[in-house]
Amino acid sequence: MRKISTLLLLSGFFYITISIFQISAVADALKLIFMINNTFLEGILFIISLFITFTPLLGPVLGIIGATFVWNWNILLAFLLFFWPYFFGGIVWFLSNKNKIKNKKGKKIDAEDAEIIREWKR
């Protein structure tokens, strides 16, 4: 139980840290696009960026613009900052499909388990 709570806390810390970077990149992209140098308007843009950051397509595109043009990051690092869930999701999907192997008869393991349950109910 202790390992699960530690892993959960570590994951939450990682997610919040990445989110702060993403929000800052989107805010910097909006400041660049609208050419704002006023502190009050920068604060308003930061509040707007809180909502735009997690909008599909618009948030990552603005974030990549902010990370590459304002922070002078490599575009690959900017893509990794905004598309890391898709990267890890693809790895998990690939590994989960790899584990669904077929047995000697050509049936999936799930189908074989269903046949065992059906025979057991008889």
PDB file of N, CA and C in Angstrom:
ATOM      1  N   MET A   1       0.829  -1.193   0.000  1.00  0.00           N
ATOM      2  CA  MET A   1       0.000   0.000   0.000  1.00  0.00           C
ATOM      3  C   MET A   1       0.871   1.254   0.000  1.00  0.00           C
ATOM      4  N   ARG A   2       1.983   1.194   0.708  1.00  0.00           N
ATOM      5  CA  ARG A   2       2.857   2.361   0.792  1.00  0.00           C
ATOM      6  C   ARG A   2       3.482   2.677  -0.559  1.00  0.00           C
ATOM      7  N   LYS A   3       3.845   1.642  -1.324  1.00  0.00           N
ATOM      8  CA  LYS A   3       4.446   1.871  -2.632  1.00  0.00           C
ATOM      9  C   LYS A   3       3.453   2.521  -3.586  1.00  0.00           C
ATOM     10  N   ILE A   4       2.201   2.143  -3.478  1.00  0.00           N
ATOM     11  CA  ILE A   4       1.187   2.716  -4.357  1.00  0.00           C
ATOM     12  C   ILE A   4       1.004   4.198  -4.053  1.00  0.00           C
ATOM     13  N   SER A   5       0.947   4.565  -2.791  1.00  0.00           N
ATOM     14  CA  SER A   5       0.755   5.972  -2.451  1.00  0.00           C
ATOM     15  C   SER A   5       1.979   6.801  -2.828  1.00  0.00           C
ATOM     16  N   THR A   6       3.180   6.251  -2.691  1.00  0.00           N
ATOM     17  CA  THR A   6       4.387   6.962  -3.101  1.00  0.00           C
ATOM     18  C   THR A   6       4.407   7.157  -4.606  1.00  0.00           C
ATOM     19  N   LEU A   7       4.034   6.126  -5.345  1.00  0.00           N
ATOM     20  CA  LEU A   7       3.980   6.238  -6.799  1.00  0.00           C
ATOM     21  C   LEU A   7       2.917   7.241  -7.230  1.00  0.00           C
ATOM     22  N   LEU A   8       1.801   7.255  -6.545  1.00  0.00           N
ATOM     23  CA  LEU A   8       0.739   8.207  -6.856  1.00  0.00           C
ATOM     24  C   LEU A   8       1.192   9.640  -6.595  1.00  0.00           C
ATOM     25  N   LEU A   9       1.871   9.870  -5.486  1.00  0.00           N
ATOM     26  CA  LEU A   9       2.386  11.203  -5.185  1.00  0.00           C
ATOM     27  C   LEU A   9       3.437  11.641  -6.197  1.00  0.00           C
ATOM     28  N   LEU A  10       4.309  10.738  -6.582  1.00  0.00           N
ATOM     29  CA  LEU A  10       5.338  11.053  -7.568  1.00  0.00           C
ATOM     30  C   LEU A  10       4.721  11.368  -8.924  1.00  0.00           C
ATOM     31  N   SER A  11       3.714  10.603  -9.306  1.00  0.00           N
ATOM     32  CA  SER A  11       3.026  10.856 -10.579  1.00  0.00           C
ATOM     33  C   SER A  11       2.300  12.195 -10.552  1.00  0.00           C
ATOM     34  N   GLY A  12       1.658  12.505  -9.455  1.00  0.00           N
ATOM     35  CA  GLY A  12       0.974  13.787  -9.323  1.00  0.00           C
ATOM     36  C   GLY A  12       1.943  14.958  -9.382  1.00  0.00           C
ATOM     37  N   PHE A  13       3.081  14.826  -8.711  1.00  0.00           N
ATOM     38  CA  PHE A  13       4.105  15.874  -8.759  1.00  0.00           C
ATOM     39  C   PHE A  13       4.626  16.060 -10.175  1.00  0.00           C
ATOM     40  N   PHE A  14       4.880  14.955 -10.876  1.00  0.00           N
ATOM     41  CA  PHE A  14       5.360  15.009 -12.258  1.00  0.00           C
ATOM     42  C   PHE A  14       4.328  15.681 -13.156  1.00  0.00           C
ATOM     43  N   TYR A  15       3.068  15.324 -13.013  1.00  0.00           N
ATOM     44  CA  TYR A  15       2.006  15.891 -13.846  1.00  0.00           C
ATOM     45  C   TYR A  15       1.850  17.390 -13.600  1.00  0.00           C
ATOM     46  N   ILE A  16       1.885  17.813 -12.346  1.00  0.00           N
ATOM     47  CA  ILE A  16       1.746  19.236 -12.026  1.00  0.00           C
ATOM     48  C   ILE A  16       2.936  20.028 -12.550  1.00  0.00           C
ATOM     49  N   THR A  17       4.139  19.473 -12.432  1.00  0.00           N
ATOM     50  CA  THR A  17       5.331  20.152 -12.937  1.00  0.00           C
ATOM     51  C   THR A  17       5.265  20.331 -14.445  1.00  0.00           C
ATOM     52  N   ILE A  18       4.898  19.285 -15.166  1.00  0.00           N
ATOM     53  CA  ILE A  18       4.770  19.372 -16.622  1.00  0.00           C
ATOM     54  C   ILE A  18       3.675  20.368 -16.995  1.00  0.00           C
ATOM     55  N   SER A  19       2.582  20.373 -16.246  1.00  0.00           N
ATOM     56  CA  SER A  19       1.481  21.302 -16.532  1.00  0.00           C
ATOM     57  C   SER A  19       1.911  22.751 -16.360  1.00  0.00           C
ATOM     58  N   ILE A  20       2.740  23.032 -15.361  1.00  0.00           N
ATOM     59  CA  ILE A  20       3.230  24.399 -15.161  1.00  0.00           C
ATOM     60  C   ILE A  20       4.077  24.836 -16.351  1.00  0.00           C
ATOM     61  N   PHE A  21       4.943  23.954 -16.843  1.00  0.00           N
ATOM     62  CA  PHE A  21       5.734  24.267 -18.035  1.00  0.00           C
ATOM     63  C   PHE A  21       4.826  24.527 -19.235  1.00  0.00           C
ATOM     64  N   GLN A  22       3.810  23.707 -19.398  1.00  0.00           N
ATOM     65  CA  GLN A  22       2.908  23.863 -20.538  1.00  0.00           C
ATOM     66  C   GLN A  22       2.133  25.177 -20.465  1.00  0.00           C
ATOM     67  N   ILE A  23       1.624  25.508 -19.295  1.00  0.00           N
ATOM     68  CA  ILE A  23       0.875  26.755 -19.132  1.00  0.00           C
ATOM     69  C   ILE A  23       1.775  27.955 -19.402  1.00  0.00           C
ATOM     70  N   SER A  24       3.006  27.904 -18.918  1.00  0.00           N
ATOM     71  CA  SER A  24       3.937  29.008 -19.151  1.00  0.00           C
ATOM     72  C   SER A  24       4.281  29.153 -20.623  1.00  0.00           C
ATOM     73  N   ALA A  25       4.447  28.041 -21.330  1.00  0.00           N
ATOM     74  CA  ALA A  25       4.760  28.102 -22.760  1.00  0.00           C
ATOM     75  C   ALA A  25       3.599  28.685 -23.551  1.00  0.00           C
ATOM     76  N   VAL A  26       2.376  28.307 -23.209  1.00  0.00           N
ATOM     77  CA  VAL A  26       1.206  28.855 -23.903  1.00  0.00           C
ATOM     78  C   VAL A  26       1.068  30.346 -23.598  1.00  0.00           C
ATOM     79  N   ALA A  27       1.302  30.746 -22.355  1.00  0.00           N
ATOM     80  CA  ALA A  27       1.223  32.167 -22.002  1.00  0.00           C
ATOM     81  C   ALA A  27       2.273  32.969 -22.764  1.00  0.00           C
ATOM     82  N   ASP A  28       3.488  32.437 -22.878  1.00  0.00           N
ATOM     83  CA  ASP A  28       4.531  33.133 -23.634  1.00  0.00           C
ATOM     84  C   ASP A  28       4.205  33.200 -25.118  1.00  0.00           C
ATOM     85  N   ALA A  29       3.580  32.171 -25.658  1.00  0.00           N
ATOM     86  CA  ALA A  29       3.181  32.203 -27.069  1.00  0.00           C
ATOM     87  C   ALA A  29       2.113  33.267 -27.300  1.00  0.00           C
ATOM     88  N   LEU A  30       1.160  33.369 -26.385  1.00  0.00           N
ATOM     89  CA  LEU A  30       0.122  34.397 -26.523  1.00  0.00           C
ATOM     90  C   LEU A  30       0.716  35.799 -26.410  1.00  0.00           C
ATOM     91  N   LYS A  31       1.696  35.978 -25.497  1.00  0.00           N
ATOM     92  CA  LYS A  31       2.361  37.279 -25.394  1.00  0.00           C
ATOM     93  C   LYS A  31       3.115  37.608 -26.675  1.00  0.00           C
ATOM     94  N   LEU A  32       3.726  36.604 -27.289  1.00  0.00           N
ATOM     95  CA  LEU A  32       4.447  36.811 -28.544  1.00  0.00           C
ATOM     96  C   LEU A  32       3.488  37.153 -29.682  1.00  0.00           C
ATOM     97  N   ILE A  33       2.390  36.430 -29.771  1.00  0.00           N
ATOM     98  CA  ILE A  33       1.436  36.643 -30.864  1.00  0.00           C
ATOM     99  C   ILE A  33       0.755  38.009 -30.752  1.00  0.00           C
ATOM    100  N   PHE A  34       0.319  38.373 -29.545  1.00  0.00           N
ATOM    101  CA  PHE A  34      -0.389  39.640 -29.364  1.00  0.00           C
ATOM    102  C   PHE A  34       0.544  40.810 -29.052  1.00  0.00           C
ATOM    103  N   MET A  35       1.855  40.559 -28.944  1.00  0.00           N
ATOM    104  CA  MET A  35       2.884  41.581 -28.675  1.00  0.00           C
ATOM    105  C   MET A  35       2.517  42.442 -27.464  1.00  0.00           C
ATOM    106  N   ILE A  36       2.319  41.788 -26.346  1.00  0.00           N
ATOM    107  CA  ILE A  36       1.896  42.472 -25.124  1.00  0.00           C
ATOM    108  C   ILE A  36       3.099  42.666 -24.208  1.00  0.00           C
ATOM    109  N   ASN A  37       3.284  43.903 -23.748  1.00  0.00           N
ATOM    110  CA  ASN A  37       4.360  44.221 -22.806  1.00  0.00           C
ATOM    111  C   ASN A  37       3.818  44.782 -21.496  1.00  0.00           C
ATOM    112  N   ASN A  38       2.517  44.850 -21.360  1.00  0.00           N
ATOM    113  CA  ASN A  38       1.866  45.381 -20.176  1.00  0.00           C
ATOM    114  C   ASN A  38       1.707  44.268 -19.144  1.00  0.00           C
ATOM    115  N   THR A  39       2.095  44.535 -17.908  1.00  0.00           N
ATOM    116  CA  THR A  39       2.041  43.518 -16.859  1.00  0.00           C
ATOM    117  C   THR A  39       0.613  43.071 -16.572  1.00  0.00           C
ATOM    118  N   PHE A  40      -0.331  44.005 -16.567  1.00  0.00           N
ATOM    119  CA  PHE A  40      -1.727  43.654 -16.305  1.00  0.00           C
ATOM    120  C   PHE A  40      -2.268  42.721 -17.387  1.00  0.00           C
ATOM    121  N   LEU A  41      -1.994  43.043 -18.640  1.00  0.00           N
ATOM    122  CA  LEU A  41      -2.477  42.198 -19.736  1.00  0.00           C
ATOM    123  C   LEU A  41      -1.762  40.847 -19.764  1.00  0.00           C
ATOM    124  N   GLU A  42      -0.498  40.826 -19.322  1.00  0.00           N
ATOM    125  CA  GLU A  42       0.206  39.542 -19.215  1.00  0.00           C
ATOM    126  C   GLU A  42      -0.474  38.644 -18.188  1.00  0.00           C
ATOM    127  N   GLY A  43      -0.946  39.230 -17.101  1.00  0.00           N
ATOM    128  CA  GLY A  43      -1.677  38.456 -16.095  1.00  0.00           C
ATOM    129  C   GLY A  43      -2.982  37.904 -16.635  1.00  0.00           C
ATOM    130  N   ILE A  44      -3.680  38.712 -17.412  1.00  0.00           N
ATOM    131  CA  ILE A  44      -4.926  38.244 -18.031  1.00  0.00           C
ATOM    132  C   ILE A  44      -4.638  37.126 -19.028  1.00  0.00           C
ATOM    133  N   LEU A  45      -3.560  37.290 -19.821  1.00  0.00           N
ATOM    134  CA  LEU A  45      -3.193  36.232 -20.770  1.00  0.00           C
ATOM    135  C   LEU A  45      -2.806  34.946 -20.049  1.00  0.00           C
ATOM    136  N   PHE A  46      -2.179  35.075 -18.879  1.00  0.00           N
ATOM    137  CA  PHE A  46      -1.830  33.876 -18.114  1.00  0.00           C
ATOM    138  C   PHE A  46      -3.091  33.150 -17.657  1.00  0.00           C
ATOM    139  N   ILE A  47      -4.086  33.893 -17.209  1.00  0.00           N
ATOM    140  CA  ILE A  47      -5.349  33.270 -16.793  1.00  0.00           C
ATOM    141  C   ILE A  47      -6.032  32.607 -17.986  1.00  0.00           C
ATOM    142  N   ILE A  48      -6.012  33.262 -19.138  1.00  0.00           N
ATOM    143  CA  ILE A  48      -6.593  32.673 -20.347  1.00  0.00           C
ATOM    144  C   ILE A  48      -5.824  31.415 -20.749  1.00  0.00           C
ATOM    145  N   SER A  49      -4.499  31.459 -20.576  1.00  0.00           N
ATOM    146  CA  SER A  49      -3.686  30.295 -20.961  1.00  0.00           C
ATOM    147  C   SER A  49      -3.960  29.085 -20.074  1.00  0.00           C
ATOM    148  N   LEU A  50      -4.470  29.309 -18.854  1.00  0.00           N
ATOM    149  CA  LEU A  50      -4.846  28.180 -17.997  1.00  0.00           C
ATOM    150  C   LEU A  50      -5.912  27.321 -18.665  1.00  0.00           C
ATOM    151  N   PHE A  51      -6.812  27.961 -19.397  1.00  0.00           N
ATOM    152  CA  PHE A  51      -7.888  27.236 -20.069  1.00  0.00           C
ATOM    153  C   PHE A  51      -7.468  26.731 -21.445  1.00  0.00           C
ATOM    154  N   ILE A  52      -6.649  27.511 -22.139  1.00  0.00           N
ATOM    155  CA  ILE A  52      -6.248  27.136 -23.500  1.00  0.00           C
ATOM    156  C   ILE A  52      -5.255  25.975 -23.500  1.00  0.00           C
ATOM    157  N   THR A  53      -4.431  25.876 -22.477  1.00  0.00           N
ATOM    158  CA  THR A  53      -3.368  24.863 -22.450  1.00  0.00           C
ATOM    159  C   THR A  53      -3.909  23.458 -22.620  1.00  0.00           C
ATOM    160  N   PHE A  54      -5.013  23.147 -21.987  1.00  0.00           N
ATOM    161  CA  PHE A  54      -5.529  21.782 -22.018  1.00  0.00           C
ATOM    162  C   PHE A  54      -6.601  21.582 -23.085  1.00  0.00           C
ATOM    163  N   THR A  55      -6.723  22.543 -24.002  1.00  0.00           N
ATOM    164  CA  THR A  55      -7.618  22.404 -25.146  1.00  0.00           C
ATOM    165  C   THR A  55      -6.896  21.600 -26.217  1.00  0.00           C
ATOM    166  N   PRO A  56      -7.494  20.536 -26.710  1.00  0.00           N
ATOM    167  CA  PRO A  56      -6.810  19.727 -27.732  1.00  0.00           C
ATOM    168  C   PRO A  56      -6.474  20.558 -28.967  1.00  0.00           C
ATOM    169  N   LEU A  57      -5.340  20.303 -29.520  1.00  0.00           N
ATOM    170  CA  LEU A  57      -4.777  20.913 -30.725  1.00  0.00           C
ATOM    171  C   LEU A  57      -4.358  22.366 -30.517  1.00  0.00           C
ATOM    172  N   LEU A  58      -5.232  23.224 -30.000  1.00  0.00           N
ATOM    173  CA  LEU A  58      -4.879  24.631 -29.831  1.00  0.00           C
ATOM    174  C   LEU A  58      -3.805  24.814 -28.755  1.00  0.00           C
ATOM    175  N   GLY A  59      -3.964  24.157 -27.620  1.00  0.00           N
ATOM    176  CA  GLY A  59      -2.992  24.269 -26.538  1.00  0.00           C
ATOM    177  C   GLY A  59      -1.606  23.783 -26.919  1.00  0.00           C
ATOM    178  N   PRO A  60      -1.492  22.561 -27.457  1.00  0.00           N
ATOM    179  CA  PRO A  60      -0.162  22.095 -27.856  1.00  0.00           C
ATOM    180  C   PRO A  60       0.489  22.935 -28.954  1.00  0.00           C
ATOM    181  N   VAL A  61      -0.289  23.405 -29.920  1.00  0.00           N
ATOM    182  CA  VAL A  61       0.297  24.217 -31.001  1.00  0.00           C
ATOM    183  C   VAL A  61       0.832  25.530 -30.437  1.00  0.00           C
ATOM    184  N   LEU A  62       0.046  26.204 -29.605  1.00  0.00           N
ATOM    185  CA  LEU A  62       0.526  27.444 -28.989  1.00  0.00           C
ATOM    186  C   LEU A  62       1.710  27.182 -28.061  1.00  0.00           C
ATOM    187  N   GLY A  63       1.668  26.072 -27.342  1.00  0.00           N
ATOM    188  CA  GLY A  63       2.775  25.739 -26.453  1.00  0.00           C
ATOM    189  C   GLY A  63       4.066  25.473 -27.201  1.00  0.00           C
ATOM    190  N   ILE A  64       3.972  24.798 -28.326  1.00  0.00           N
ATOM    191  CA  ILE A  64       5.163  24.534 -29.137  1.00  0.00           C
ATOM    192  C   ILE A  64       5.708  25.843 -29.700  1.00  0.00           C
ATOM    193  N   ILE A  65       4.818  26.747 -30.101  1.00  0.00           N
ATOM    194  CA  ILE A  65       5.261  28.066 -30.574  1.00  0.00           C
ATOM    195  C   ILE A  65       5.986  28.808 -29.450  1.00  0.00           C
ATOM    196  N   GLY A  66       5.415  28.784 -28.252  1.00  0.00           N
ATOM    197  CA  GLY A  66       6.049  29.465 -27.122  1.00  0.00           C
ATOM    198  C   GLY A  66       7.382  28.851 -26.739  1.00  0.00           C
ATOM    199  N   ALA A  67       7.450  27.528 -26.742  1.00  0.00           N
ATOM    200  CA  ALA A  67       8.693  26.864 -26.345  1.00  0.00           C
ATOM    201  C   ALA A  67       9.795  27.048 -27.383  1.00  0.00           C
ATOM    202  N   THR A  68       9.449  27.045 -28.666  1.00  0.00           N
ATOM    203  CA  THR A  68      10.489  27.153 -29.694  1.00  0.00           C
ATOM    204  C   THR A  68      10.898  28.598 -29.968  1.00  0.00           C
ATOM    205  N   PHE A  69       9.938  29.520 -30.055  1.00  0.00           N
ATOM    206  CA  PHE A  69      10.273  30.896 -30.427  1.00  0.00           C
ATOM    207  C   PHE A  69      10.652  31.776 -29.239  1.00  0.00           C
ATOM    208  N   VAL A  70      10.020  31.568 -28.087  1.00  0.00           N
ATOM    209  CA  VAL A  70      10.310  32.419 -26.930  1.00  0.00           C
ATOM    210  C   VAL A  70      11.429  31.819 -26.084  1.00  0.00           C
ATOM    211  N   TRP A  71      11.356  30.524 -25.804  1.00  0.00           N
ATOM    212  CA  TRP A  71      12.362  29.881 -24.965  1.00  0.00           C
ATOM    213  C   TRP A  71      13.551  29.355 -25.754  1.00  0.00           C
ATOM    214  N   ASN A  72      13.473  29.376 -27.074  1.00  0.00           N
ATOM    215  CA  ASN A  72      14.530  28.866 -27.964  1.00  0.00           C
ATOM    216  C   ASN A  72      14.836  27.388 -27.730  1.00  0.00           C
ATOM    217  N   TRP A  73      13.801  26.602 -27.479  1.00  0.00           N
ATOM    218  CA  TRP A  73      13.954  25.161 -27.319  1.00  0.00           C
ATOM    219  C   TRP A  73      14.032  24.498 -28.683  1.00  0.00           C
ATOM    220  N   ASN A  74      14.609  23.312 -28.691  1.00  0.00           N
ATOM    221  CA  ASN A  74      14.569  22.462 -29.873  1.00  0.00           C
ATOM    222  C   ASN A  74      13.115  22.029 -30.087  1.00  0.00           C
ATOM    223  N   ILE A  75      12.707  21.932 -31.340  1.00  0.00           N
ATOM    224  CA  ILE A  75      11.303  21.593 -31.620  1.00  0.00           C
ATOM    225  C   ILE A  75      10.962  20.177 -31.146  1.00  0.00           C
ATOM    226  N   LEU A  76      11.933  19.270 -31.146  1.00  0.00           N
ATOM    227  CA  LEU A  76      11.666  17.913 -30.655  1.00  0.00           C
ATOM    228  C   LEU A  76      11.383  17.911 -29.156  1.00  0.00           C
ATOM    229  N   LEU A  77      12.105  18.733 -28.406  1.00  0.00           N
ATOM    230  CA  LEU A  77      11.827  18.830 -26.966  1.00  0.00           C
ATOM    231  C   LEU A  77      10.460  19.463 -26.712  1.00  0.00           C
ATOM    232  N   ALA A  78      10.101  20.437 -27.548  1.00  0.00           N
ATOM    233  CA  ALA A  78       8.781  21.059 -27.406  1.00  0.00           C
ATOM    234  C   ALA A  78       7.675  20.052 -27.707  1.00  0.00           C
ATOM    235  N   PHE A  79       7.871  19.230 -28.748  1.00  0.00           N
ATOM    236  CA  PHE A  79       6.885  18.185 -29.045  1.00  0.00           C
ATOM    237  C   PHE A  79       6.784  17.197 -27.887  1.00  0.00           C
ATOM    238  N   LEU A  80       7.914  16.837 -27.312  1.00  0.00           N
ATOM    239  CA  LEU A  80       7.907  15.893 -26.194  1.00  0.00           C
ATOM    240  C   LEU A  80       7.197  16.488 -24.977  1.00  0.00           C
ATOM    241  N   LEU A  81       7.350  17.799 -24.762  1.00  0.00           N
ATOM    242  CA  LEU A  81       6.690  18.451 -23.633  1.00  0.00           C
ATOM    243  C   LEU A  81       5.174  18.387 -23.753  1.00  0.00           C
ATOM    244  N   PHE A  82       4.661  18.523 -24.983  1.00  0.00           N
ATOM    245  CA  PHE A  82       3.213  18.590 -25.150  1.00  0.00           C
ATOM    246  C   PHE A  82       2.572  17.279 -25.580  1.00  0.00           C
ATOM    247  N   PHE A  83       3.341  16.373 -26.127  1.00  0.00           N
ATOM    248  CA  PHE A  83       2.748  15.129 -26.615  1.00  0.00           C
ATOM    249  C   PHE A  83       3.253  13.910 -25.852  1.00  0.00           C
ATOM    250  N   TRP A  84       3.782  14.097 -24.637  1.00  0.00           N
ATOM    251  CA  TRP A  84       4.272  12.961 -23.868  1.00  0.00           C
ATOM    252  C   TRP A  84       3.163  11.982 -23.496  1.00  0.00           C
ATOM    253  N   PRO A  85       1.909  12.391 -23.242  1.00  0.00           N
ATOM    254  CA  PRO A  85       0.895  11.372 -22.942  1.00  0.00           C
ATOM    255  C   PRO A  85       0.641  10.442 -24.122  1.00  0.00           C
ATOM    256  N   TYR A  86       0.694  10.996 -25.342  1.00  0.00           N
ATOM    257  CA  TYR A  86       0.478  10.168 -26.526  1.00  0.00           C
ATOM    258  C   TYR A  86       1.650   9.215 -26.734  1.00  0.00           C
ATOM    259  N   PHE A  87       2.842   9.679 -26.420  1.00  0.00           N
ATOM    260  CA  PHE A  87       4.036   8.841 -26.549  1.00  0.00           C
ATOM    261  C   PHE A  87       3.960   7.650 -25.590  1.00  0.00           C
ATOM    262  N   PHE A  88       3.684   7.930 -24.319  1.00  0.00           N
ATOM    263  CA  PHE A  88       3.592   6.844 -23.346  1.00  0.00           C
ATOM    264  C   PHE A  88       2.367   5.970 -23.592  1.00  0.00           C
ATOM    265  N   GLY A  89       1.273   6.570 -24.039  1.00  0.00           N
ATOM    266  CA  GLY A  89       0.085   5.785 -24.378  1.00  0.00           C
ATOM    267  C   GLY A  89       0.343   4.839 -25.530  1.00  0.00           C
ATOM    268  N   GLY A  90       1.123   5.295 -26.516  1.00  0.00           N
ATOM    269  CA  GLY A  90       1.491   4.427 -27.640  1.00  0.00           C
ATOM    270  C   GLY A  90       2.348   3.260 -27.199  1.00  0.00           C
ATOM    271  N   ILE A  91       3.260   3.514 -26.275  1.00  0.00           N
ATOM    272  CA  ILE A  91       4.100   2.426 -25.758  1.00  0.00           C
ATOM    273  C   ILE A  91       3.247   1.409 -25.009  1.00  0.00           C
ATOM    274  N   VAL A  92       2.336   1.885 -24.167  1.00  0.00           N
ATOM    275  CA  VAL A  92       1.457   0.974 -23.418  1.00  0.00           C
ATOM    276  C   VAL A  92       0.571   0.191 -24.372  1.00  0.00           C
ATOM    277  N   TRP A  93       0.025   0.847 -25.390  1.00  0.00           N
ATOM    278  CA  TRP A  93      -0.822   0.162 -26.373  1.00  0.00           C
ATOM    279  C   TRP A  93      -0.029  -0.909 -27.111  1.00  0.00           C
ATOM    280  N   PHE A  94       1.201  -0.588 -27.503  1.00  0.00           N
ATOM    281  CA  PHE A  94       2.035  -1.554 -28.214  1.00  0.00           C
ATOM    282  C   PHE A  94       2.333  -2.759 -27.329  1.00  0.00           C
ATOM    283  N   LEU A  95       2.686  -2.507 -26.078  1.00  0.00           N
ATOM    284  CA  LEU A  95       3.003  -3.611 -25.175  1.00  0.00           C
ATOM    285  C   LEU A  95       1.765  -4.434 -24.831  1.00  0.00           C
ATOM    286  N   SER A  96       0.603  -3.798 -24.721  1.00  0.00           N
ATOM    287  CA  SER A  96      -0.604  -4.564 -24.407  1.00  0.00           C
ATOM    288  C   SER A  96      -1.024  -5.428 -25.589  1.00  0.00           C
ATOM    289  N   ASN A  97      -0.847  -4.944 -26.816  1.00  0.00           N
ATOM    290  CA  ASN A  97      -1.167  -5.764 -27.988  1.00  0.00           C
ATOM    291  C   ASN A  97      -0.178  -6.903 -28.152  1.00  0.00           C
ATOM    292  N   LYS A  98       1.046  -6.682 -27.748  1.00  0.00           N
ATOM    293  CA  LYS A  98       2.070  -7.718 -27.857  1.00  0.00           C
ATOM    294  C   LYS A  98       1.765  -8.877 -26.905  1.00  0.00           C
ATOM    295  N   ASN A  99       1.145  -8.565 -25.765  1.00  0.00           N
ATOM    296  CA  ASN A  99       0.843  -9.594 -24.773  1.00  0.00           C
ATOM    297  C   ASN A  99      -0.363 -10.444 -25.144  1.00  0.00           C
ATOM    298  N   LYS A 100      -1.151 -10.018 -26.113  1.00  0.00           N
ATOM    299  CA  LYS A 100      -2.307 -10.805 -26.535  1.00  0.00           C
ATOM    300  C   LYS A 100      -1.858 -11.799 -27.604  1.00  0.00           C
ATOM    301  N   ILE A 101      -1.090 -12.758 -27.163  1.00  0.00           N
ATOM    302  CA  ILE A 101      -0.566 -13.755 -28.101  1.00  0.00           C
ATOM    303  C   ILE A 101      -1.598 -14.845 -28.341  1.00  0.00           C
ATOM    304  N   LYS A 102      -1.388 -15.559 -29.404  1.00  0.00           N
ATOM    305  CA  LYS A 102      -2.290 -16.660 -29.729  1.00  0.00           C
ATOM    306  C   LYS A 102      -1.662 -17.974 -29.281  1.00  0.00           C
ATOM    307  N   ASN A 103      -2.513 -18.907 -28.900  1.00  0.00           N
ATOM    308  CA  ASN A 103      -1.996 -20.211 -28.503  1.00  0.00           C
ATOM    309  C   ASN A 103      -1.827 -21.099 -29.732  1.00  0.00           C
ATOM    310  N   LYS A 104      -1.556 -22.369 -29.520  1.00  0.00           N
ATOM    311  CA  LYS A 104      -1.250 -23.278 -30.632  1.00  0.00           C
ATOM    312  C   LYS A 104      -2.420 -23.451 -31.594  1.00  0.00           C
ATOM    313  N   LYS A 105      -3.652 -23.390 -31.113  1.00  0.00           N
ATOM    314  CA  LYS A 105      -4.818 -23.586 -31.966  1.00  0.00           C
ATOM    315  C   LYS A 105      -5.162 -22.330 -32.766  1.00  0.00           C
ATOM    316  N   GLY A 106      -4.492 -21.242 -32.508  1.00  0.00           N
ATOM    317  CA  GLY A 106      -4.778 -20.009 -33.218  1.00  0.00           C
ATOM    318  C   GLY A 106      -5.823 -19.156 -32.530  1.00  0.00           C
ATOM    319  N   LYS A 107      -6.275 -19.580 -31.361  1.00  0.00           N
ATOM    320  CA  LYS A 107      -7.258 -18.803 -30.619  1.00  0.00           C
ATOM    321  C   LYS A 107      -6.540 -17.893 -29.634  1.00  0.00           C
ATOM    322  N   LYS A 108      -7.163 -16.797 -29.358  1.00  0.00           N
ATOM    323  CA  LYS A 108      -6.600 -15.916 -28.347  1.00  0.00           C
ATOM    324  C   LYS A 108      -6.787 -16.547 -26.976  1.00  0.00           C
ATOM    325  N   ILE A 109      -5.973 -16.106 -26.042  1.00  0.00           N
ATOM    326  CA  ILE A 109      -6.042 -16.644 -24.690  1.00  0.00           C
ATOM    327  C   ILE A 109      -7.401 -16.341 -24.064  1.00  0.00           C
ATOM    328  N   ASP A 110      -7.975 -15.166 -24.367  1.00  0.00           N
ATOM    329  CA  ASP A 110      -9.293 -14.820 -23.822  1.00  0.00           C
ATOM    330  C   ASP A 110     -10.362 -15.804 -24.291  1.00  0.00           C
ATOM    331  N   ALA A 111     -10.298 -16.216 -25.568  1.00  0.00           N
ATOM    332  CA  ALA A 111     -11.273 -17.173 -26.098  1.00  0.00           C
ATOM    333  C   ALA A 111     -11.113 -18.524 -25.412  1.00  0.00           C
ATOM    334  N   GLU A 112      -9.881 -18.903 -25.140  1.00  0.00           N
ATOM    335  CA  GLU A 112      -9.636 -20.175 -24.452  1.00  0.00           C
ATOM    336  C   GLU A 112     -10.187 -20.121 -23.033  1.00  0.00           C
ATOM    337  N   ASP A 113     -10.025 -18.996 -22.346  1.00  0.00           N
ATOM    338  CA  ASP A 113     -10.572 -18.849 -21.001  1.00  0.00           C
ATOM    339  C   ASP A 113     -12.096 -18.929 -21.017  1.00  0.00           C
ATOM    340  N   ALA A 114     -12.720 -18.348 -22.035  1.00  0.00           N
ATOM    341  CA  ALA A 114     -14.177 -18.397 -22.143  1.00  0.00           C
ATOM    342  C   ALA A 114     -14.656 -19.829 -22.342  1.00  0.00           C
ATOM    343  N   GLU A 115     -13.906 -20.626 -23.129  1.00  0.00           N
ATOM    344  CA  GLU A 115     -14.283 -22.029 -23.326  1.00  0.00           C
ATOM    345  C   GLU A 115     -14.154 -22.816 -22.034  1.00  0.00           C
ATOM    346  N   ILE A 116     -13.136 -22.530 -21.239  1.00  0.00           N
ATOM    347  CA  ILE A 116     -12.959 -23.222 -19.960  1.00  0.00           C
ATOM    348  C   ILE A 116     -14.125 -22.896 -19.037  1.00  0.00           C
ATOM    349  N   ILE A 117     -14.542 -21.648 -18.995  1.00  0.00           N
ATOM    350  CA  ILE A 117     -15.667 -21.255 -18.140  1.00  0.00           C
ATOM    351  C   ILE A 117     -16.951 -21.916 -18.623  1.00  0.00           C
ATOM    352  N   ARG A 118     -17.140 -21.974 -19.936  1.00  0.00           N
ATOM    353  CA  ARG A 118     -18.337 -22.601 -20.495  1.00  0.00           C
ATOM    354  C   ARG A 118     -18.374 -24.083 -20.117  1.00  0.00           C
ATOM    355  N   GLU A 119     -17.241 -24.780 -20.198  1.00  0.00           N
ATOM    356  CA  GLU A 119     -17.195 -26.194 -19.833  1.00  0.00           C
ATOM    357  C   GLU A 119     -17.420 -26.373 -18.339  1.00  0.00           C
ATOM    358  N   TRP A 120     -16.949 -25.468 -17.538  1.00  0.00           N
ATOM    359  CA  TRP A 120     -17.087 -25.565 -16.099  1.00  0.00           C
ATOM    360  C   TRP A 120     -18.546 -25.404 -15.678  1.00  0.00           C
ATOM    361  N   LYS A 121     -19.310 -24.573 -16.410  1.00  0.00           N
ATOM    362  CA  LYS A 121     -20.709 -24.347 -16.071  1.00  0.00           C
ATOM    363  C   LYS A 121     -21.578 -25.545 -16.417  1.00  0.00           C
ATOM    364  N   ARG A 122     -21.129 -26.428 -17.299  1.00  0.00           N
ATOM    365  CA  ARG A 122     -21.938 -27.601 -17.679  1.00  0.00           C
ATOM    366  C   ARG A 122     -22.068 -28.556 -16.584  1.00  0.00           C
TER     367      ARG A 122
END
